[in-house]
Amino acid sequence: MNTVTRFRLAILDDYQQVSGDYAPWDSLLDDGVKVSVFSAPFLSKEQAVAALAPFDIIVAMRERTRFPQDVLESLPNLKLLVTTGMANAAIDLEAASERGIVVSGTGGSPAAAPELTWALLLAFARNLAVEENSLRAGGWQTGVGFELEGKTLGIVGLGKIGKRMAGYAKAFGMDVLAWSQNLTAETAEAAGARKVSKEELFRESDVVTLHLRLSERTEGIVGSEELRLLGPDGVLINTARGPLVDEEALIRALEEGWIRGAALDVFDEEPLPAGHALLHSPRTVLSPHIGYVTHESYRQFYGGAFEDVKAWLDGAPVRVLGG
């Protein structure tokens, strides 16, 4: 017996084509929901609108596809928008609310992003990418790395991820400094860090790692001044959001040697376009925004998204994000 299609659901940006491994999407057919999976990123806003206009339900993976007001207004059938995680700067929640679109979130892994951040730091410190490429090409030792013990880690944003980073740093024998706009000395001390000014943090740290949410007041929070304070022996790590850093200033800092180098998992434009300057910048370790890409994280993301859809179908939405 054929089930009548009541709703069309789109799962977006399933780059690894694994969404079906983490939730029983096919079972939604019993609820009259036809599921389509998009594994490639949309190349433009117009392409996204054209592809998504027929859908009633959309499951978005983090901030890979943007949903500003004009996009939401161009999706006449959209009733439920699910985002993985409980915050998504790429969704205009106020515009969604005005159009009666329910926006729900999911849980996530607290360990995925800080573990990847630490991996990038270790990879940079010991020249792992360069040494591996050399070894595979028939070479042997090519450079000299540095140790973390005794160094100073500066954490910009001492939230859930930043606090884990402070713990990792302490385990490696590092001193820890911290700064953000609303950080208190008591909060910093409780995390094993010392609260300092933004200028002090960049001037005194050997490594600075960013863990802020992207917003109007945090966009470009690291620019030429901060990079010059970090100095020729300093390393910048960004696994939060690309626009926290003035990208042009960072490229110049790498090319002109203002800083020792950078380890980056996030960029202004994602996926990073072929030929982008950062792909050719010296003294970098780069990864393709995989801070949250783990089995444990995906179980919570896709599993939670499935629960959101089922709850909405039952008339009782859960984990609703307000506008």
C-alpha atoms as a PDB file:
ATOM      1  CA  MET A   1       0.000   0.000   0.000  1.00  0.00           C
ATOM      2  CA  ASN A   2       1.461   3.364  -1.022  1.00  0.00           C
ATOM      3  CA  THR A   3       1.609   6.050   1.650  1.00  0.00           C
ATOM      4  CA  VAL A   4       0.452   9.493   0.586  1.00  0.00           C
ATOM      5  CA  THR A   5       3.235  12.067   0.746  1.00  0.00           C
ATOM      6  CA  ARG A   6       2.242  14.751   3.237  1.00  0.00           C
ATOM      7  CA  PHE A   7       5.588  16.472   3.651  1.00  0.00           C
ATOM      8  CA  ARG A   8       8.895  16.680   1.837  1.00  0.00           C
ATOM      9  CA  LEU A   9      12.054  16.717   3.940  1.00  0.00           C
ATOM     10  CA  ALA A  10      15.532  17.779   2.816  1.00  0.00           C
ATOM     11  CA  ILE A  11      18.708  16.775   4.629  1.00  0.00           C
ATOM     12  CA  LEU A  12      21.372  19.275   3.615  1.00  0.00           C
ATOM     13  CA  ASP A  13      25.139  19.183   3.238  1.00  0.00           C
ATOM     14  CA  ASP A  14      25.610  15.519   4.093  1.00  0.00           C
ATOM     15  CA  TYR A  15      29.164  15.730   2.755  1.00  0.00           C
ATOM     16  CA  GLN A  16      30.117  12.200   3.786  1.00  0.00           C
ATOM     17  CA  GLN A  17      26.711  10.753   2.793  1.00  0.00           C
ATOM     18  CA  VAL A  18      26.258   9.198   6.225  1.00  0.00           C
ATOM     19  CA  SER A  19      23.031  10.743   7.559  1.00  0.00           C
ATOM     20  CA  GLY A  20      21.260   7.429   7.104  1.00  0.00           C
ATOM     21  CA  ASP A  21      23.796   5.717   9.354  1.00  0.00           C
ATOM     22  CA  TYR A  22      22.779   7.770  12.383  1.00  0.00           C
ATOM     23  CA  ALA A  23      18.974   7.972  12.189  1.00  0.00           C
ATOM     24  CA  PRO A  24      16.164   5.873  10.612  1.00  0.00           C
ATOM     25  CA  TRP A  25      15.044   8.493   8.104  1.00  0.00           C
ATOM     26  CA  ASP A  26      13.398   5.898   5.868  1.00  0.00           C
ATOM     27  CA  SER A  27      10.910   5.132   8.639  1.00  0.00           C
ATOM     28  CA  LEU A  28       9.390   8.588   8.134  1.00  0.00           C
ATOM     29  CA  LEU A  29       7.676   7.190   5.055  1.00  0.00           C
ATOM     30  CA  ASP A  30       5.116   5.757   7.471  1.00  0.00           C
ATOM     31  CA  ASP A  31       4.336   9.336   8.487  1.00  0.00           C
ATOM     32  CA  GLY A  32       3.966  10.418   4.886  1.00  0.00           C
ATOM     33  CA  VAL A  33       7.364  12.125   4.770  1.00  0.00           C
ATOM     34  CA  LYS A  34       9.493  11.806   1.652  1.00  0.00           C
ATOM     35  CA  VAL A  35      13.186  12.355   2.419  1.00  0.00           C
ATOM     36  CA  SER A  36      15.780  13.756   0.004  1.00  0.00           C
ATOM     37  CA  VAL A  37      19.478  14.050   0.825  1.00  0.00           C
ATOM     38  CA  PHE A  38      21.771  16.747  -0.585  1.00  0.00           C
ATOM     39  CA  SER A  39      25.438  15.829  -0.243  1.00  0.00           C
ATOM     40  CA  ALA A  40      27.021  18.703  -2.178  1.00  0.00           C
ATOM     41  CA  PRO A  41      27.028  22.310  -1.003  1.00  0.00           C
ATOM     42  CA  PHE A  42      24.917  24.847  -2.840  1.00  0.00           C
ATOM     43  CA  LEU A  43      27.091  27.166  -4.901  1.00  0.00           C
ATOM     44  CA  SER A  44      24.833  30.210  -4.540  1.00  0.00           C
ATOM     45  CA  LYS A  45      21.824  31.530  -2.688  1.00  0.00           C
ATOM     46  CA  GLU A  46      19.793  31.237  -5.886  1.00  0.00           C
ATOM     47  CA  GLN A  47      20.714  27.586  -6.293  1.00  0.00           C
ATOM     48  CA  ALA A  48      19.723  26.859  -2.706  1.00  0.00           C
ATOM     49  CA  VAL A  49      16.337  28.544  -3.091  1.00  0.00           C
ATOM     50  CA  ALA A  50      15.576  26.763  -6.362  1.00  0.00           C
ATOM     51  CA  ALA A  51      16.414  23.377  -4.863  1.00  0.00           C
ATOM     52  CA  LEU A  52      14.678  23.852  -1.523  1.00  0.00           C
ATOM     53  CA  ALA A  53      11.478  25.668  -2.530  1.00  0.00           C
ATOM     54  CA  PRO A  54       9.354  22.454  -2.619  1.00  0.00           C
ATOM     55  CA  PHE A  55      10.341  21.290   0.885  1.00  0.00           C
ATOM     56  CA  ASP A  56       8.275  21.516   4.070  1.00  0.00           C
ATOM     57  CA  ILE A  57      11.056  20.381   6.411  1.00  0.00           C
ATOM     58  CA  ILE A  58      14.779  21.097   6.194  1.00  0.00           C
ATOM     59  CA  VAL A  59      17.545  19.581   8.309  1.00  0.00           C
ATOM     60  CA  ALA A  60      20.616  21.812   8.187  1.00  0.00           C
ATOM     61  CA  MET A  61      24.089  20.662   9.226  1.00  0.00           C
ATOM     62  CA  ARG A  62      25.530  23.456  11.376  1.00  0.00           C
ATOM     63  CA  GLU A  63      26.100  26.616   9.310  1.00  0.00           C
ATOM     64  CA  ARG A  64      26.954  25.039   5.968  1.00  0.00           C
ATOM     65  CA  THR A  65      23.865  26.509   4.274  1.00  0.00           C
ATOM     66  CA  ARG A  66      22.713  30.003   5.238  1.00  0.00           C
ATOM     67  CA  PHE A  67      19.091  30.958   5.926  1.00  0.00           C
ATOM     68  CA  PRO A  68      18.885  34.765   6.070  1.00  0.00           C
ATOM     69  CA  GLN A  69      15.573  36.586   5.775  1.00  0.00           C
ATOM     70  CA  ASP A  70      15.485  36.721   1.967  1.00  0.00           C
ATOM     71  CA  VAL A  71      16.091  32.985   1.653  1.00  0.00           C
ATOM     72  CA  LEU A  72      13.394  32.147   4.202  1.00  0.00           C
ATOM     73  CA  GLU A  73      10.953  34.425   2.370  1.00  0.00           C
ATOM     74  CA  SER A  74      11.700  32.472  -0.822  1.00  0.00           C
ATOM     75  CA  LEU A  75      10.779  29.102   0.706  1.00  0.00           C
ATOM     76  CA  PRO A  76       6.965  29.230   0.774  1.00  0.00           C
ATOM     77  CA  ASN A  77       6.454  25.650   1.917  1.00  0.00           C
ATOM     78  CA  LEU A  78       8.955  25.625   4.777  1.00  0.00           C
ATOM     79  CA  LYS A  79       7.354  24.823   8.129  1.00  0.00           C
ATOM     80  CA  LEU A  80      10.153  23.214  10.163  1.00  0.00           C
ATOM     81  CA  LEU A  81      13.864  24.067  10.039  1.00  0.00           C
ATOM     82  CA  VAL A  82      16.136  21.871  12.130  1.00  0.00           C
ATOM     83  CA  THR A  83      19.704  22.864  12.875  1.00  0.00           C
ATOM     84  CA  THR A  84      22.276  20.579  14.408  1.00  0.00           C
ATOM     85  CA  GLY A  85      23.407  22.167  17.658  1.00  0.00           C
ATOM     86  CA  MET A  86      21.493  24.674  19.736  1.00  0.00           C
ATOM     87  CA  ALA A  87      22.817  27.793  18.004  1.00  0.00           C
ATOM     88  CA  ASN A  88      23.189  28.676  14.342  1.00  0.00           C
ATOM     89  CA  ALA A  89      24.305  32.142  13.297  1.00  0.00           C
ATOM     90  CA  ALA A  90      23.349  31.335   9.691  1.00  0.00           C
ATOM     91  CA  ILE A  91      19.625  31.250  10.520  1.00  0.00           C
ATOM     92  CA  ASP A  92      17.616  34.455  10.933  1.00  0.00           C
ATOM     93  CA  LEU A  93      15.464  33.298  13.838  1.00  0.00           C
ATOM     94  CA  GLU A  94      13.379  36.459  13.908  1.00  0.00           C
ATOM     95  CA  ALA A  95      12.519  36.131  10.230  1.00  0.00           C
ATOM     96  CA  ALA A  96      11.666  32.464  10.730  1.00  0.00           C
ATOM     97  CA  SER A  97       9.378  33.301  13.628  1.00  0.00           C
ATOM     98  CA  GLU A  98       7.605  36.011  11.604  1.00  0.00           C
ATOM     99  CA  ARG A  99       6.863  33.439   8.899  1.00  0.00           C
ATOM    100  CA  GLY A 100       5.660  30.831  11.395  1.00  0.00           C
ATOM    101  CA  ILE A 101       8.611  28.534  10.740  1.00  0.00           C
ATOM    102  CA  VAL A 102       9.531  26.401  13.732  1.00  0.00           C
ATOM    103  CA  VAL A 103      13.300  26.180  14.287  1.00  0.00           C
ATOM    104  CA  SER A 104      14.541  23.301  16.432  1.00  0.00           C
ATOM    105  CA  GLY A 105      18.043  22.350  17.541  1.00  0.00           C
ATOM    106  CA  THR A 106      19.876  19.302  18.802  1.00  0.00           C
ATOM    107  CA  GLY A 107      22.496  18.333  21.318  1.00  0.00           C
ATOM    108  CA  GLY A 108      26.124  17.916  20.375  1.00  0.00           C
ATOM    109  CA  SER A 109      29.405  16.481  21.564  1.00  0.00           C
ATOM    110  CA  PRO A 110      31.317  18.707  24.006  1.00  0.00           C
ATOM    111  CA  ALA A 111      34.574  16.892  23.247  1.00  0.00           C
ATOM    112  CA  ALA A 112      34.772  16.969  19.443  1.00  0.00           C
ATOM    113  CA  ALA A 113      35.847  20.580  18.844  1.00  0.00           C
ATOM    114  CA  PRO A 114      38.392  20.946  21.670  1.00  0.00           C
ATOM    115  CA  GLU A 115      40.016  17.613  20.791  1.00  0.00           C
ATOM    116  CA  LEU A 116      40.435  18.706  17.171  1.00  0.00           C
ATOM    117  CA  THR A 117      41.808  22.046  18.352  1.00  0.00           C
ATOM    118  CA  TRP A 118      44.446  20.313  20.435  1.00  0.00           C
ATOM    119  CA  ALA A 119      45.290  17.985  17.562  1.00  0.00           C
ATOM    120  CA  LEU A 120      45.914  20.980  15.304  1.00  0.00           C
ATOM    121  CA  LEU A 121      48.162  22.569  17.926  1.00  0.00           C
ATOM    122  CA  LEU A 122      50.231  19.406  18.299  1.00  0.00           C
ATOM    123  CA  ALA A 123      50.405  18.968  14.539  1.00  0.00           C
ATOM    124  CA  PHE A 124      51.704  22.503  14.160  1.00  0.00           C
ATOM    125  CA  ALA A 125      54.155  22.260  17.035  1.00  0.00           C
ATOM    126  CA  ARG A 126      55.801  19.123  15.670  1.00  0.00           C
ATOM    127  CA  ASN A 127      55.547  19.891  11.932  1.00  0.00           C
ATOM    128  CA  LEU A 128      53.517  16.716  11.381  1.00  0.00           C
ATOM    129  CA  ALA A 129      52.038  17.580   7.985  1.00  0.00           C
ATOM    130  CA  VAL A 130      55.403  18.667   6.571  1.00  0.00           C
ATOM    131  CA  GLU A 131      57.254  15.689   8.034  1.00  0.00           C
ATOM    132  CA  GLU A 132      54.660  13.178   6.807  1.00  0.00           C
ATOM    133  CA  ASN A 133      54.677  14.601   3.287  1.00  0.00           C
ATOM    134  CA  SER A 134      58.478  14.509   3.273  1.00  0.00           C
ATOM    135  CA  LEU A 135      58.561  10.926   4.534  1.00  0.00           C
ATOM    136  CA  ARG A 136      56.077   9.739   1.891  1.00  0.00           C
ATOM    137  CA  ALA A 137      58.188  11.441  -0.763  1.00  0.00           C
ATOM    138  CA  GLY A 138      61.303   9.561   0.334  1.00  0.00           C
ATOM    139  CA  GLY A 139      62.744  12.164   2.696  1.00  0.00           C
ATOM    140  CA  TRP A 140      63.505  12.076   6.393  1.00  0.00           C
ATOM    141  CA  GLN A 141      63.646  14.725   9.125  1.00  0.00           C
ATOM    142  CA  THR A 142      63.244  18.199   7.659  1.00  0.00           C
ATOM    143  CA  GLY A 143      62.731  20.594  10.565  1.00  0.00           C
ATOM    144  CA  VAL A 144      62.720  21.147  14.314  1.00  0.00           C
ATOM    145  CA  GLY A 145      59.501  21.363  16.313  1.00  0.00           C
ATOM    146  CA  PHE A 146      58.779  22.891  19.710  1.00  0.00           C
ATOM    147  CA  GLU A 147      57.367  21.656  23.013  1.00  0.00           C
ATOM    148  CA  LEU A 148      54.245  22.943  24.730  1.00  0.00           C
ATOM    149  CA  GLU A 149      55.429  22.485  28.305  1.00  0.00           C
ATOM    150  CA  GLY A 150      56.364  25.811  29.837  1.00  0.00           C
ATOM    151  CA  LYS A 151      54.632  27.791  27.077  1.00  0.00           C
ATOM    152  CA  THR A 152      51.632  30.095  27.567  1.00  0.00           C
ATOM    153  CA  LEU A 153      48.250  29.420  25.995  1.00  0.00           C
ATOM    154  CA  GLY A 154      45.902  32.365  25.540  1.00  0.00           C
ATOM    155  CA  ILE A 155      42.231  31.449  25.285  1.00  0.00           C
ATOM    156  CA  VAL A 156      39.841  33.957  23.701  1.00  0.00           C
ATOM    157  CA  GLY A 157      36.419  32.860  24.918  1.00  0.00           C
ATOM    158  CA  LEU A 158      36.340  30.754  28.080  1.00  0.00           C
ATOM    159  CA  GLY A 159      33.059  28.931  27.490  1.00  0.00           C
ATOM    160  CA  LYS A 160      32.499  25.180  27.373  1.00  0.00           C
ATOM    161  CA  ILE A 161      35.196  24.597  24.756  1.00  0.00           C
ATOM    162  CA  GLY A 162      37.590  27.164  26.168  1.00  0.00           C
ATOM    163  CA  LYS A 163      37.416  25.593  29.626  1.00  0.00           C
ATOM    164  CA  ARG A 164      38.302  22.202  28.171  1.00  0.00           C
ATOM    165  CA  MET A 165      41.242  23.797  26.377  1.00  0.00           C
ATOM    166  CA  ALA A 166      42.429  25.222  29.684  1.00  0.00           C
ATOM    167  CA  GLY A 167      42.350  21.729  31.177  1.00  0.00           C
ATOM    168  CA  TYR A 168      44.312  20.268  28.279  1.00  0.00           C
ATOM    169  CA  ALA A 169      46.890  23.034  28.570  1.00  0.00           C
ATOM    170  CA  LYS A 170      47.353  22.425  32.278  1.00  0.00           C
ATOM    171  CA  ALA A 171      47.861  18.708  31.607  1.00  0.00           C
ATOM    172  CA  PHE A 172      50.648  19.648  29.173  1.00  0.00           C
ATOM    173  CA  GLY A 173      52.332  21.943  31.687  1.00  0.00           C
ATOM    174  CA  MET A 174      51.308  25.227  30.085  1.00  0.00           C
ATOM    175  CA  ASP A 175      50.360  28.515  31.723  1.00  0.00           C
ATOM    176  CA  VAL A 176      46.884  29.706  30.730  1.00  0.00           C
ATOM    177  CA  LEU A 177      45.592  33.211  30.095  1.00  0.00           C
ATOM    178  CA  ALA A 178      42.020  34.053  29.130  1.00  0.00           C
ATOM    179  CA  TRP A 179      40.000  36.999  27.841  1.00  0.00           C
ATOM    180  CA  SER A 180      36.541  37.772  26.545  1.00  0.00           C
ATOM    181  CA  GLN A 181      34.266  40.773  26.852  1.00  0.00           C
ATOM    182  CA  ASN A 182      32.315  39.471  29.847  1.00  0.00           C
ATOM    183  CA  LEU A 183      34.854  37.187  31.503  1.00  0.00           C
ATOM    184  CA  THR A 184      35.322  37.588  35.252  1.00  0.00           C
ATOM    185  CA  ALA A 185      38.492  36.850  37.205  1.00  0.00           C
ATOM    186  CA  GLU A 186      36.578  34.293  39.273  1.00  0.00           C
ATOM    187  CA  THR A 187      35.391  32.354  36.210  1.00  0.00           C
ATOM    188  CA  ALA A 188      38.890  32.341  34.761  1.00  0.00           C
ATOM    189  CA  GLU A 189      40.443  31.178  38.015  1.00  0.00           C
ATOM    190  CA  ALA A 190      37.902  28.372  38.373  1.00  0.00           C
ATOM    191  CA  ALA A 191      38.970  27.110  34.926  1.00  0.00           C
ATOM    192  CA  GLY A 192      42.658  27.251  35.815  1.00  0.00           C
ATOM    193  CA  ALA A 193      43.335  30.436  33.854  1.00  0.00           C
ATOM    194  CA  ARG A 194      44.281  34.024  34.645  1.00  0.00           C
ATOM    195  CA  LYS A 195      42.063  36.811  33.315  1.00  0.00           C
ATOM    196  CA  VAL A 196      44.001  39.462  31.411  1.00  0.00           C
ATOM    197  CA  SER A 197      43.209  42.200  28.932  1.00  0.00           C
ATOM    198  CA  LYS A 198      42.954  41.389  25.257  1.00  0.00           C
ATOM    199  CA  GLU A 199      46.204  43.237  24.589  1.00  0.00           C
ATOM    200  CA  GLU A 200      48.032  41.353  27.361  1.00  0.00           C
ATOM    201  CA  LEU A 201      46.768  38.024  26.106  1.00  0.00           C
ATOM    202  CA  PHE A 202      48.118  38.490  22.593  1.00  0.00           C
ATOM    203  CA  ARG A 203      51.358  40.019  23.802  1.00  0.00           C
ATOM    204  CA  GLU A 204      52.148  37.385  26.448  1.00  0.00           C
ATOM    205  CA  SER A 205      50.892  34.180  24.808  1.00  0.00           C
ATOM    206  CA  ASP A 206      52.937  31.735  22.753  1.00  0.00           C
ATOM    207  CA  VAL A 207      49.722  30.267  21.341  1.00  0.00           C
ATOM    208  CA  VAL A 208      46.307  31.935  21.069  1.00  0.00           C
ATOM    209  CA  THR A 209      43.196  29.857  20.440  1.00  0.00           C
ATOM    210  CA  LEU A 210      39.762  31.296  19.600  1.00  0.00           C
ATOM    211  CA  HIS A 211      36.522  29.966  21.082  1.00  0.00           C
ATOM    212  CA  LEU A 212      33.922  32.692  20.651  1.00  0.00           C
ATOM    213  CA  ARG A 213      30.542  32.621  18.971  1.00  0.00           C
ATOM    214  CA  LEU A 214      30.383  34.718  15.836  1.00  0.00           C
ATOM    215  CA  SER A 215      28.291  37.861  16.246  1.00  0.00           C
ATOM    216  CA  GLU A 216      28.356  41.500  15.245  1.00  0.00           C
ATOM    217  CA  ARG A 217      30.602  42.345  18.178  1.00  0.00           C
ATOM    218  CA  THR A 218      33.017  39.431  17.680  1.00  0.00           C
ATOM    219  CA  GLU A 219      33.429  39.563  13.896  1.00  0.00           C
ATOM    220  CA  GLY A 220      36.989  40.659  13.114  1.00  0.00           C
ATOM    221  CA  ILE A 221      37.956  40.593  16.779  1.00  0.00           C
ATOM    222  CA  VAL A 222      41.446  39.514  15.737  1.00  0.00           C
ATOM    223  CA  GLY A 223      43.056  41.909  13.300  1.00  0.00           C
ATOM    224  CA  SER A 224      46.423  43.388  12.423  1.00  0.00           C
ATOM    225  CA  GLU A 225      46.975  44.851  15.889  1.00  0.00           C
ATOM    226  CA  GLU A 226      46.421  41.545  17.669  1.00  0.00           C
ATOM    227  CA  LEU A 227      48.514  39.578  15.173  1.00  0.00           C
ATOM    228  CA  ARG A 228      51.420  41.984  15.539  1.00  0.00           C
ATOM    229  CA  LEU A 229      51.164  41.691  19.340  1.00  0.00           C
ATOM    230  CA  LEU A 230      51.271  37.894  19.032  1.00  0.00           C
ATOM    231  CA  GLY A 231      54.627  38.378  17.374  1.00  0.00           C
ATOM    232  CA  PRO A 232      57.021  36.327  15.258  1.00  0.00           C
ATOM    233  CA  ASP A 233      57.061  33.396  17.694  1.00  0.00           C
ATOM    234  CA  GLY A 234      53.310  33.258  18.256  1.00  0.00           C
ATOM    235  CA  VAL A 235      50.788  30.773  16.840  1.00  0.00           C
ATOM    236  CA  LEU A 236      47.103  31.445  16.148  1.00  0.00           C
ATOM    237  CA  ILE A 237      44.546  28.628  16.254  1.00  0.00           C
ATOM    238  CA  ASN A 238      40.983  29.077  15.040  1.00  0.00           C
ATOM    239  CA  THR A 239      38.454  26.242  15.169  1.00  0.00           C
ATOM    240  CA  ALA A 240      35.508  28.522  16.010  1.00  0.00           C
ATOM    241  CA  ARG A 241      34.450  30.656  13.022  1.00  0.00           C
ATOM    242  CA  GLY A 242      36.539  32.107  10.222  1.00  0.00           C
ATOM    243  CA  PRO A 243      35.222  35.701  10.356  1.00  0.00           C
ATOM    244  CA  LEU A 244      36.450  36.111  13.938  1.00  0.00           C
ATOM    245  CA  VAL A 245      39.769  36.888  12.239  1.00  0.00           C
ATOM    246  CA  ASP A 246      40.467  39.555   9.638  1.00  0.00           C
ATOM    247  CA  GLU A 247      41.446  37.133   6.887  1.00  0.00           C
ATOM    248  CA  GLU A 248      43.405  39.647   4.832  1.00  0.00           C
ATOM    249  CA  ALA A 249      45.433  40.621   7.880  1.00  0.00           C
ATOM    250  CA  LEU A 250      46.081  36.965   8.691  1.00  0.00           C
ATOM    251  CA  ILE A 251      47.292  36.188   5.178  1.00  0.00           C
ATOM    252  CA  ARG A 252      49.621  39.162   5.335  1.00  0.00           C
ATOM    253  CA  ALA A 253      50.846  38.122   8.799  1.00  0.00           C
ATOM    254  CA  LEU A 254      51.715  34.661   7.475  1.00  0.00           C
ATOM    255  CA  GLU A 255      53.379  35.912   4.325  1.00  0.00           C
ATOM    256  CA  GLU A 256      55.371  38.649   6.047  1.00  0.00           C
ATOM    257  CA  GLY A 257      56.259  36.699   9.174  1.00  0.00           C
ATOM    258  CA  TRP A 258      54.385  38.729  11.783  1.00  0.00           C
ATOM    259  CA  ILE A 259      53.508  35.428  13.471  1.00  0.00           C
ATOM    260  CA  ARG A 260      55.055  31.979  13.619  1.00  0.00           C
ATOM    261  CA  GLY A 261      52.047  30.424  11.945  1.00  0.00           C
ATOM    262  CA  ALA A 262      48.410  29.416  12.157  1.00  0.00           C
ATOM    263  CA  ALA A 263      46.346  26.256  12.529  1.00  0.00           C
ATOM    264  CA  LEU A 264      42.886  26.704  11.033  1.00  0.00           C
ATOM    265  CA  ASP A 265      39.741  24.597  10.770  1.00  0.00           C
ATOM    266  CA  VAL A 266      37.395  27.426   9.755  1.00  0.00           C
ATOM    267  CA  PHE A 267      37.399  30.044   7.008  1.00  0.00           C
ATOM    268  CA  ASP A 268      35.445  33.054   5.754  1.00  0.00           C
ATOM    269  CA  GLU A 269      34.167  31.046   2.781  1.00  0.00           C
ATOM    270  CA  GLU A 270      33.472  27.338   3.089  1.00  0.00           C
ATOM    271  CA  PRO A 271      34.261  25.082   1.368  1.00  0.00           C
ATOM    272  CA  LEU A 272      37.544  26.945   0.842  1.00  0.00           C
ATOM    273  CA  PRO A 273      37.786  27.801  -2.878  1.00  0.00           C
ATOM    274  CA  ALA A 274      40.559  26.298  -4.990  1.00  0.00           C
ATOM    275  CA  GLY A 275      43.467  28.684  -5.295  1.00  0.00           C
ATOM    276  CA  HIS A 276      42.628  30.559  -2.089  1.00  0.00           C
ATOM    277  CA  ALA A 277      45.624  32.377  -0.626  1.00  0.00           C
ATOM    278  CA  LEU A 278      45.502  30.420   2.639  1.00  0.00           C
ATOM    279  CA  LEU A 279      46.097  27.186   0.733  1.00  0.00           C
ATOM    280  CA  HIS A 280      49.473  28.550  -0.283  1.00  0.00           C
ATOM    281  CA  SER A 281      50.332  30.519   2.845  1.00  0.00           C
ATOM    282  CA  PRO A 282      53.493  29.395   4.641  1.00  0.00           C
ATOM    283  CA  ARG A 283      53.569  27.938   8.165  1.00  0.00           C
ATOM    284  CA  THR A 284      49.986  26.711   8.295  1.00  0.00           C
ATOM    285  CA  VAL A 285      48.136  23.551   9.280  1.00  0.00           C
ATOM    286  CA  LEU A 286      44.676  23.446   7.690  1.00  0.00           C
ATOM    287  CA  SER A 287      41.660  21.174   8.089  1.00  0.00           C
ATOM    288  CA  PRO A 288      38.227  21.389   6.364  1.00  0.00           C
ATOM    289  CA  HIS A 289      35.978  22.414   9.288  1.00  0.00           C
ATOM    290  CA  ILE A 290      35.961  18.976  10.904  1.00  0.00           C
ATOM    291  CA  GLY A 291      35.876  20.130  14.510  1.00  0.00           C
ATOM    292  CA  TYR A 292      32.449  18.547  15.013  1.00  0.00           C
ATOM    293  CA  VAL A 293      32.780  15.707  12.490  1.00  0.00           C
ATOM    294  CA  THR A 294      32.927  12.614  14.710  1.00  0.00           C
ATOM    295  CA  HIS A 295      30.735   9.532  15.085  1.00  0.00           C
ATOM    296  CA  GLU A 296      29.765  10.657  18.573  1.00  0.00           C
ATOM    297  CA  SER A 297      28.798  14.121  17.400  1.00  0.00           C
ATOM    298  CA  TYR A 298      26.867  12.888  14.368  1.00  0.00           C
ATOM    299  CA  ARG A 299      24.871  10.473  16.530  1.00  0.00           C
ATOM    300  CA  GLN A 300      23.654  13.426  18.560  1.00  0.00           C
ATOM    301  CA  PHE A 301      23.179  15.697  15.545  1.00  0.00           C
ATOM    302  CA  TYR A 302      21.265  13.363  13.257  1.00  0.00           C
ATOM    303  CA  GLY A 303      19.613  11.459  16.083  1.00  0.00           C
ATOM    304  CA  GLY A 304      18.423  14.709  17.622  1.00  0.00           C
ATOM    305  CA  ALA A 305      17.269  16.043  14.252  1.00  0.00           C
ATOM    306  CA  PHE A 306      15.189  12.896  13.725  1.00  0.00           C
ATOM    307  CA  GLU A 307      13.622  13.384  17.177  1.00  0.00           C
ATOM    308  CA  ASP A 308      12.848  17.015  16.299  1.00  0.00           C
ATOM    309  CA  VAL A 309      11.055  15.971  13.123  1.00  0.00           C
ATOM    310  CA  LYS A 310       9.042  13.256  14.878  1.00  0.00           C
ATOM    311  CA  ALA A 311       8.046  15.636  17.667  1.00  0.00           C
ATOM    312  CA  TRP A 312       6.908  18.275  15.173  1.00  0.00           C
ATOM    313  CA  LEU A 313       4.903  15.698  13.247  1.00  0.00           C
ATOM    314  CA  ASP A 314       3.221  14.776  16.552  1.00  0.00           C
ATOM    315  CA  GLY A 315       2.329  18.427  17.120  1.00  0.00           C
ATOM    316  CA  ALA A 316       4.703  18.949  20.049  1.00  0.00           C
ATOM    317  CA  PRO A 317       7.950  20.530  18.809  1.00  0.00           C
ATOM    318  CA  VAL A 318      11.013  20.150  21.039  1.00  0.00           C
ATOM    319  CA  ARG A 319      14.224  22.153  21.511  1.00  0.00           C
ATOM    320  CA  VAL A 320      12.648  25.163  19.815  1.00  0.00           C
ATOM    321  CA  LEU A 321      14.991  28.103  19.236  1.00  0.00           C
ATOM    322  CA  GLY A 322      13.396  31.503  19.794  1.00  0.00           C
ATOM    323  CA  GLY A 323      13.564  34.572  17.569  1.00  0.00           C
END
